[in-house]
C-alpha atoms as a PDB file:
ATOM      1  CA  MET A   1      83.436 100.502 126.330  1.00  0.00           C
ATOM      2  CA  LYS A   2      81.937 102.100 123.249  1.00  0.00           C
ATOM      3  CA  PRO A   3      79.168 100.133 121.513  1.00  0.00           C
ATOM      4  CA  VAL A   4      80.162  98.444 118.258  1.00  0.00           C
ATOM      5  CA  ILE A   5      78.332 100.040 115.360  1.00  0.00           C
ATOM      6  CA  ASN A   6      77.776  97.899 112.294  1.00  0.00           C
ATOM      7  CA  LYS A   7      79.122  99.857 109.324  1.00  0.00           C
ATOM      8  CA  VAL A   8      79.109  97.073 106.715  1.00  0.00           C
ATOM      9  CA  TYR A   9      75.934  95.922 104.988  1.00  0.00           C
ATOM     10  CA  SER A  10      75.986  93.088 102.440  1.00  0.00           C
ATOM     11  CA  ARG A  11      73.330  91.869 100.045  1.00  0.00           C
ATOM     12  CA  VAL A  12      73.411  88.967  97.605  1.00  0.00           C
ATOM     13  CA  LYS A  13      72.371  89.475  94.002  1.00  0.00           C
ATOM     14  CA  SER A  14      74.075  87.654  91.121  1.00  0.00           C
ATOM     15  CA  ALA A  15      77.216  88.663  93.009  1.00  0.00           C
ATOM     16  CA  MET A  16      77.893  90.053  96.452  1.00  0.00           C
ATOM     17  CA  SER A  17      77.340  93.768  96.909  1.00  0.00           C
ATOM     18  CA  SER A  18      78.688  95.389 100.068  1.00  0.00           C
ATOM     19  CA  ASP A  19      78.144  98.887 101.453  1.00  0.00           C
ATOM     20  CA  ILE A  20      80.697 100.437 103.812  1.00  0.00           C
ATOM     21  CA  TYR A  21      80.072 103.665 105.718  1.00  0.00           C
ATOM     22  CA  ILE A  22      82.948 106.003 106.586  1.00  0.00           C
ATOM     23  CA  SER A  23      81.171 108.480 108.852  1.00  0.00           C
ATOM     24  CA  GLY A  24      82.264 111.069 111.378  1.00  0.00           C
ATOM     25  CA  SER A  25      85.877 110.992 112.546  1.00  0.00           C
ATOM     26  CA  ILE A  26      88.143 108.232 111.278  1.00  0.00           C
ATOM     27  CA  GLY A  27      89.240 106.502 114.445  1.00  0.00           C
ATOM     28  CA  GLU A  28      91.903 104.002 115.421  1.00  0.00           C
ATOM     29  CA  PRO A  29      92.636 101.040 113.110  1.00  0.00           C
ATOM     30  CA  GLU A  30      91.019  98.394 115.312  1.00  0.00           C
ATOM     31  CA  LEU A  31      87.623 100.005 114.689  1.00  0.00           C
ATOM     32  CA  TYR A  32      87.776  99.106 110.978  1.00  0.00           C
ATOM     33  CA  ILE A  33      88.584  95.379 111.007  1.00  0.00           C
ATOM     34  CA  GLU A  34      85.206  94.429 109.531  1.00  0.00           C
ATOM     35  CA  GLU A  35      85.510  96.989 106.734  1.00  0.00           C
ATOM     36  CA  LEU A  36      89.035  95.831 105.888  1.00  0.00           C
ATOM     37  CA  GLN A  37      87.970  92.189 105.908  1.00  0.00           C
ATOM     38  CA  THR A  38      85.099  93.010 103.543  1.00  0.00           C
ATOM     39  CA  LEU A  39      87.572  94.546 101.088  1.00  0.00           C
ATOM     40  CA  ARG A  40      89.935  91.596 101.484  1.00  0.00           C
ATOM     41  CA  GLU A  41      87.277  88.961 100.844  1.00  0.00           C
ATOM     42  CA  ALA A  42      85.551  90.654  97.897  1.00  0.00           C
ATOM     43  CA  GLN A  43      85.932  88.896  94.551  1.00  0.00           C
ATOM     44  CA  GLU A  44      86.218  90.265  91.001  1.00  0.00           C
ATOM     45  CA  SER A  45      82.489  89.794  90.358  1.00  0.00           C
ATOM     46  CA  ASP A  46      81.536  91.700  93.523  1.00  0.00           C
ATOM     47  CA  ASP A  47      80.874  95.390  94.078  1.00  0.00           C
ATOM     48  CA  VAL A  48      81.885  97.417  97.109  1.00  0.00           C
ATOM     49  CA  THR A  49      80.519 100.915  97.710  1.00  0.00           C
ATOM     50  CA  LEU A  50      81.986 103.312 100.290  1.00  0.00           C
ATOM     51  CA  TYR A  51      79.651 106.036 101.511  1.00  0.00           C
ATOM     52  CA  ILE A  52      81.697 108.908 102.909  1.00  0.00           C
ATOM     53  CA  ASN A  53      80.601 111.679 105.245  1.00  0.00           C
ATOM     54  CA  SER A  54      83.711 112.278 107.302  1.00  0.00           C
ATOM     55  CA  VAL A  55      85.804 115.109 108.685  1.00  0.00           C
ATOM     56  CA  GLY A  56      88.933 112.923 108.500  1.00  0.00           C
ATOM     57  CA  GLY A  57      90.988 111.568 111.365  1.00  0.00           C
ATOM     58  CA  TYR A  58      93.796 109.078 111.831  1.00  0.00           C
ATOM     59  CA  VAL A  59      96.148 109.067 108.826  1.00  0.00           C
ATOM     60  CA  SER A  60      97.387 105.551 109.642  1.00  0.00           C
ATOM     61  CA  THR A  61      93.823 104.188 109.576  1.00  0.00           C
ATOM     62  CA  ALA A  62      93.038 105.969 106.318  1.00  0.00           C
ATOM     63  CA  ILE A  63      96.168 104.545 104.696  1.00  0.00           C
ATOM     64  CA  GLN A  64      95.275 101.033 105.836  1.00  0.00           C
ATOM     65  CA  ILE A  65      91.861 101.449 104.204  1.00  0.00           C
ATOM     66  CA  VAL A  66      93.526 102.890 101.079  1.00  0.00           C
ATOM     67  CA  ASN A  67      95.736  99.801 100.834  1.00  0.00           C
ATOM     68  CA  GLY A  68      92.687  97.611 101.343  1.00  0.00           C
ATOM     69  CA  ILE A  69      90.983  99.346  98.422  1.00  0.00           C
ATOM     70  CA  ARG A  70      94.041  99.067  96.178  1.00  0.00           C
ATOM     71  CA  ASN A  71      94.387  95.349  96.914  1.00  0.00           C
ATOM     72  CA  CYS A  72      90.668  94.641  96.611  1.00  0.00           C
ATOM     73  CA  LYS A  73      89.726  92.374  93.683  1.00  0.00           C
ATOM     74  CA  ALA A  74      86.284  93.946  93.357  1.00  0.00           C
ATOM     75  CA  LYS A  75      85.388  97.312  91.882  1.00  0.00           C
ATOM     76  CA  VAL A  76      85.259  99.869  94.690  1.00  0.00           C
ATOM     77  CA  THR A  77      83.083 102.954  94.269  1.00  0.00           C
ATOM     78  CA  ALA A  78      83.224 105.954  96.612  1.00  0.00           C
ATOM     79  CA  VAL A  79      80.184 108.159  97.197  1.00  0.00           C
ATOM     80  CA  ILE A  80      80.501 111.536  98.913  1.00  0.00           C
ATOM     81  CA  GLU A  81      77.271 112.144 100.826  1.00  0.00           C
ATOM     82  CA  GLY A  82      78.231 115.207 102.855  1.00  0.00           C
ATOM     83  CA  GLU A  83      81.715 116.139 103.967  1.00  0.00           C
ATOM     84  CA  CYS A  84      84.926 114.571 102.705  1.00  0.00           C
ATOM     85  CA  HIS A  85      87.754 116.219 104.586  1.00  0.00           C
ATOM     86  CA  SER A  86      91.400 115.589 105.310  1.00  0.00           C
ATOM     87  CA  ALA A  87      92.276 111.862 105.550  1.00  0.00           C
ATOM     88  CA  ALA A  88      88.844 110.930 104.166  1.00  0.00           C
ATOM     89  CA  THR A  89      89.984 112.356 100.816  1.00  0.00           C
ATOM     90  CA  TYR A  90      92.733 109.707 100.715  1.00  0.00           C
ATOM     91  CA  ILE A  91      90.098 106.978 100.907  1.00  0.00           C
ATOM     92  CA  PHE A  92      87.886 108.671  98.329  1.00  0.00           C
ATOM     93  CA  LEU A  93      90.629 109.128  95.728  1.00  0.00           C
ATOM     94  CA  ALA A  94      91.930 105.550  96.136  1.00  0.00           C
ATOM     95  CA  CYS A  95      88.676 104.116  94.759  1.00  0.00           C
ATOM     96  CA  ASP A  96      88.035 102.907  91.203  1.00  0.00           C
ATOM     97  CA  GLU A  97      84.954 105.011  90.543  1.00  0.00           C
ATOM     98  CA  TRP A  98      83.288 107.983  92.217  1.00  0.00           C
ATOM     99  CA  VAL A  99      79.873 109.479  92.808  1.00  0.00           C
ATOM    100  CA  VAL A 100      79.768 113.108  93.943  1.00  0.00           C
ATOM    101  CA  ASN A 101      76.386 114.251  95.185  1.00  0.00           C
ATOM    102  CA  SER A 102      75.311 117.880  94.920  1.00  0.00           C
ATOM    103  CA  GLY A 103      75.916 120.099  97.914  1.00  0.00           C
ATOM    104  CA  VAL A 104      78.945 118.197  99.226  1.00  0.00           C
ATOM    105  CA  LEU A 105      82.166 119.771 100.467  1.00  0.00           C
ATOM    106  CA  MET A 106      85.777 118.581 100.347  1.00  0.00           C
ATOM    107  CA  LEU A 107      88.676 119.944 102.371  1.00  0.00           C
ATOM    108  CA  ILE A 108      92.315 119.219 101.557  1.00  0.00           C
ATOM    109  CA  HIS A 109      94.851 120.493 104.053  1.00  0.00           C
ATOM    110  CA  ASN A 110      98.168 119.756 105.695  1.00  0.00           C
ATOM    111  CA  TYR A 111      98.264 117.218 108.496  1.00  0.00           C
ATOM    112  CA  SER A 112      98.117 118.092 112.186  1.00  0.00           C
ATOM    113  CA  GLY A 113      99.236 116.093 115.179  1.00  0.00           C
ATOM    114  CA  GLY A 114     101.608 115.918 118.083  1.00  0.00           C
ATOM    115  CA  ALA A 115     104.549 114.000 119.466  1.00  0.00           C
ATOM    116  CA  TYR A 116     106.018 113.197 122.855  1.00  0.00           C
ATOM    117  CA  GLY A 117     109.181 111.619 124.183  1.00  0.00           C
ATOM    118  CA  LYS A 118     112.844 112.545 124.604  1.00  0.00           C
ATOM    119  CA  GLY A 119     114.057 115.702 122.867  1.00  0.00           C
ATOM    120  CA  VAL A 120     116.087 114.070 120.082  1.00  0.00           C
ATOM    121  CA  ASP A 121     113.396 111.422 119.570  1.00  0.00           C
ATOM    122  CA  LEU A 122     110.785 114.143 119.192  1.00  0.00           C
ATOM    123  CA  ILE A 123     112.752 115.812 116.404  1.00  0.00           C
ATOM    124  CA  ASP A 124     113.277 112.496 114.591  1.00  0.00           C
ATOM    125  CA  SER A 125     109.603 111.620 114.973  1.00  0.00           C
ATOM    126  CA  VAL A 126     108.409 114.942 113.557  1.00  0.00           C
ATOM    127  CA  LYS A 127     110.785 114.676 110.590  1.00  0.00           C
ATOM    128  CA  ALA A 128     109.768 111.092 109.849  1.00  0.00           C
ATOM    129  CA  ASN A 129     106.057 111.851 110.038  1.00  0.00           C
ATOM    130  CA  ASP A 130     106.439 114.944 107.881  1.00  0.00           C
ATOM    131  CA  LYS A 131     108.227 112.946 105.168  1.00  0.00           C
ATOM    132  CA  TRP A 132     105.706 110.112 105.447  1.00  0.00           C
ATOM    133  CA  VAL A 133     102.609 112.277 105.044  1.00  0.00           C
ATOM    134  CA  LYS A 134     104.107 114.377 102.244  1.00  0.00           C
ATOM    135  CA  ASN A 135     104.920 111.211 100.279  1.00  0.00           C
ATOM    136  CA  ILE A 136     101.370 109.972 100.847  1.00  0.00           C
ATOM    137  CA  MET A 137      99.855 113.233  99.627  1.00  0.00           C
ATOM    138  CA  ALA A 138     102.102 113.374  96.555  1.00  0.00           C
ATOM    139  CA  THR A 139     100.805 109.929  95.519  1.00  0.00           C
ATOM    140  CA  ILE A 140      97.159 110.317  96.544  1.00  0.00           C
ATOM    141  CA  TYR A 141      96.628 113.762  95.021  1.00  0.00           C
ATOM    142  CA  GLU A 142      98.498 113.143  91.752  1.00  0.00           C
ATOM    143  CA  GLY A 143      96.275 114.437  88.956  1.00  0.00           C
ATOM    144  CA  PHE A 144      93.758 115.853  91.441  1.00  0.00           C
ATOM    145  CA  LEU A 145      95.953 118.715  92.630  1.00  0.00           C
ATOM    146  CA  SER A 146      98.497 120.546  90.533  1.00  0.00           C
ATOM    147  CA  PRO A 147     102.113 120.549  91.796  1.00  0.00           C
ATOM    148  CA  GLY A 148     101.652 124.186  92.766  1.00  0.00           C
ATOM    149  CA  GLU A 149      98.515 123.421  94.756  1.00  0.00           C
ATOM    150  CA  LEU A 150     100.226 120.537  96.531  1.00  0.00           C
ATOM    151  CA  GLU A 151     103.045 122.880  97.498  1.00  0.00           C
ATOM    152  CA  LEU A 152     100.486 125.336  98.891  1.00  0.00           C
ATOM    153  CA  VAL A 153      98.875 122.560 100.951  1.00  0.00           C
ATOM    154  CA  ASN A 154     102.282 121.578 102.327  1.00  0.00           C
ATOM    155  CA  SER A 155     102.684 125.247 103.284  1.00  0.00           C
ATOM    156  CA  ASN A 156      99.440 125.038 105.330  1.00  0.00           C
ATOM    157  CA  LYS A 157      97.049 126.440 102.708  1.00  0.00           C
ATOM    158  CA  ASP A 158      93.549 124.906 102.899  1.00  0.00           C
ATOM    159  CA  ILE A 159      91.795 123.975  99.653  1.00  0.00           C
ATOM    160  CA  TRP A 160      87.989 123.824  99.732  1.00  0.00           C
ATOM    161  CA  LEU A 161      86.132 122.192  96.846  1.00  0.00           C
ATOM    162  CA  GLU A 162      82.426 121.886  96.051  1.00  0.00           C
ATOM    163  CA  SER A 163      80.736 119.272  93.880  1.00  0.00           C
ATOM    164  CA  GLU A 164      81.445 120.683  90.416  1.00  0.00           C
ATOM    165  CA  GLU A 165      85.071 121.423  91.246  1.00  0.00           C
ATOM    166  CA  ILE A 166      85.556 117.875  92.534  1.00  0.00           C
ATOM    167  CA  LEU A 167      84.046 116.376  89.380  1.00  0.00           C
ATOM    168  CA  THR A 168      86.270 118.484  87.110  1.00  0.00           C
ATOM    169  CA  ARG A 169      89.387 117.352  88.953  1.00  0.00           C
ATOM    170  CA  LEU A 170      88.277 113.704  88.826  1.00  0.00           C
ATOM    171  CA  ASP A 171      88.309 113.973  85.017  1.00  0.00           C
ATOM    172  CA  ASN A 172      92.026 114.753  85.303  1.00  0.00           C
ATOM    173  CA  VAL A 173      92.570 111.740  87.568  1.00  0.00           C
ATOM    174  CA  VAL A 174      90.817 109.440  85.090  1.00  0.00           C
ATOM    175  CA  ALA A 175      92.933 110.781  82.214  1.00  0.00           C
ATOM    176  CA  LEU A 176      96.120 110.243  84.236  1.00  0.00           C
ATOM    177  CA  ARG A 177      95.129 106.688  85.169  1.00  0.00           C
ATOM    178  CA  ASP A 178      94.315 105.878  81.530  1.00  0.00           C
ATOM    179  CA  MET A 179      97.718 107.208  80.467  1.00  0.00           C
ATOM    180  CA  ASN A 180      99.523 105.180  83.138  1.00  0.00           C
ATOM    181  CA  GLU A 181      97.643 102.030  82.123  1.00  0.00           C
ATOM    182  CA  GLU A 182      98.677 102.596  78.505  1.00  0.00           C
ATOM    183  CA  ILE A 183     102.305 103.011  79.597  1.00  0.00           C
ATOM    184  CA  ASP A 184     102.063  99.793  81.616  1.00  0.00           C
ATOM    185  CA  ARG A 185     100.589  97.916  78.636  1.00  0.00           C
ATOM    186  CA  GLU A 186     103.354  99.201  76.352  1.00  0.00           C
ATOM    187  CA  GLU A 187     106.008  98.195  78.875  1.00  0.00           C
ATOM    188  CA  LEU A 188     104.474  94.708  79.154  1.00  0.00           C
ATOM    189  CA  ARG A 189     104.396  94.429  75.353  1.00  0.00           C
ATOM    190  CA  LYS A 190     108.092  95.334  75.161  1.00  0.00           C
ATOM    191  CA  GLN A 191     108.998  92.835  77.867  1.00  0.00           C
ATOM    192  CA  THR A 192     107.006  90.088  76.140  1.00  0.00           C
ATOM    193  CA  LEU A 193     108.633  90.847  72.795  1.00  0.00           C
ATOM    194  CA  GLU A 194     112.092  90.799  74.376  1.00  0.00           C
ATOM    195  CA  ARG A 195     111.309  87.463  76.025  1.00  0.00           C
ATOM    196  CA  VAL A 196     110.186  86.005  72.687  1.00  0.00           C
ATOM    197  CA  LYS A 197     113.455  87.167  71.085  1.00  0.00           C
ATOM    198  CA  GLU A 198     115.471  85.566  73.892  1.00  0.00           C
ATOM    199  CA  LEU A 199     113.652  82.261  73.423  1.00  0.00           C
ATOM    200  CA  ALA A 200     114.227  82.450  69.671  1.00  0.00           C
ATOM    201  CA  ARG A 201     117.973  83.026  70.217  1.00  0.00           C
ATOM    202  CA  SER A 202     118.098  80.092  72.641  1.00  0.00           C
ATOM    203  CA  ASP A 203     116.455  77.825  70.041  1.00  0.00           C
ATOM    204  CA  GLU A 204     118.966  78.896  67.401  1.00  0.00           C
ATOM    205  CA  GLU A 205     121.931  78.269  69.699  1.00  0.00           C
ATOM    206  CA  SER A 206     120.667  74.824  70.631  1.00  0.00           C
END
């Protein structure tokens, strides 16, 4: 049995501040229960920081962490401290804010893996996994990669990025998020206005 390594460190200030380390290969989901619980329990006044130095690993684990970040009430900041490759980039880009240290390296590439089972089941499994990962990448890399670059990645082209290139692309992600938030606010305003009109009509009819 492998020893359990504590990868979550918490400290109490005016609010709770938690540090999570995503290091080495991203392993099976059961190795990240404590990290996921930290994200789940964090409150709006808390801060969670993810320190990443990872070559990637299990896509399913990375996506579970991504969902934990997206559902976390606290602000989640990702810090690249060395390598941020493959599935680790999913976790990095899901965060609310980012710190990119000098001398770091990011790798974005197509997934790799294997399948086993009966012939027809193998074909279905490969097709399902291919669709699944491509949908994940289209969402995760929106704004960070251009459509043309995403197509190249899906065609097995590796994209290597250093610190300055990462920071430039993060500016695009921030701009896209701001635009989407503005669209959401406008949609909410329209829905609220329509609801007010419906209530006014109901009052007139009564």
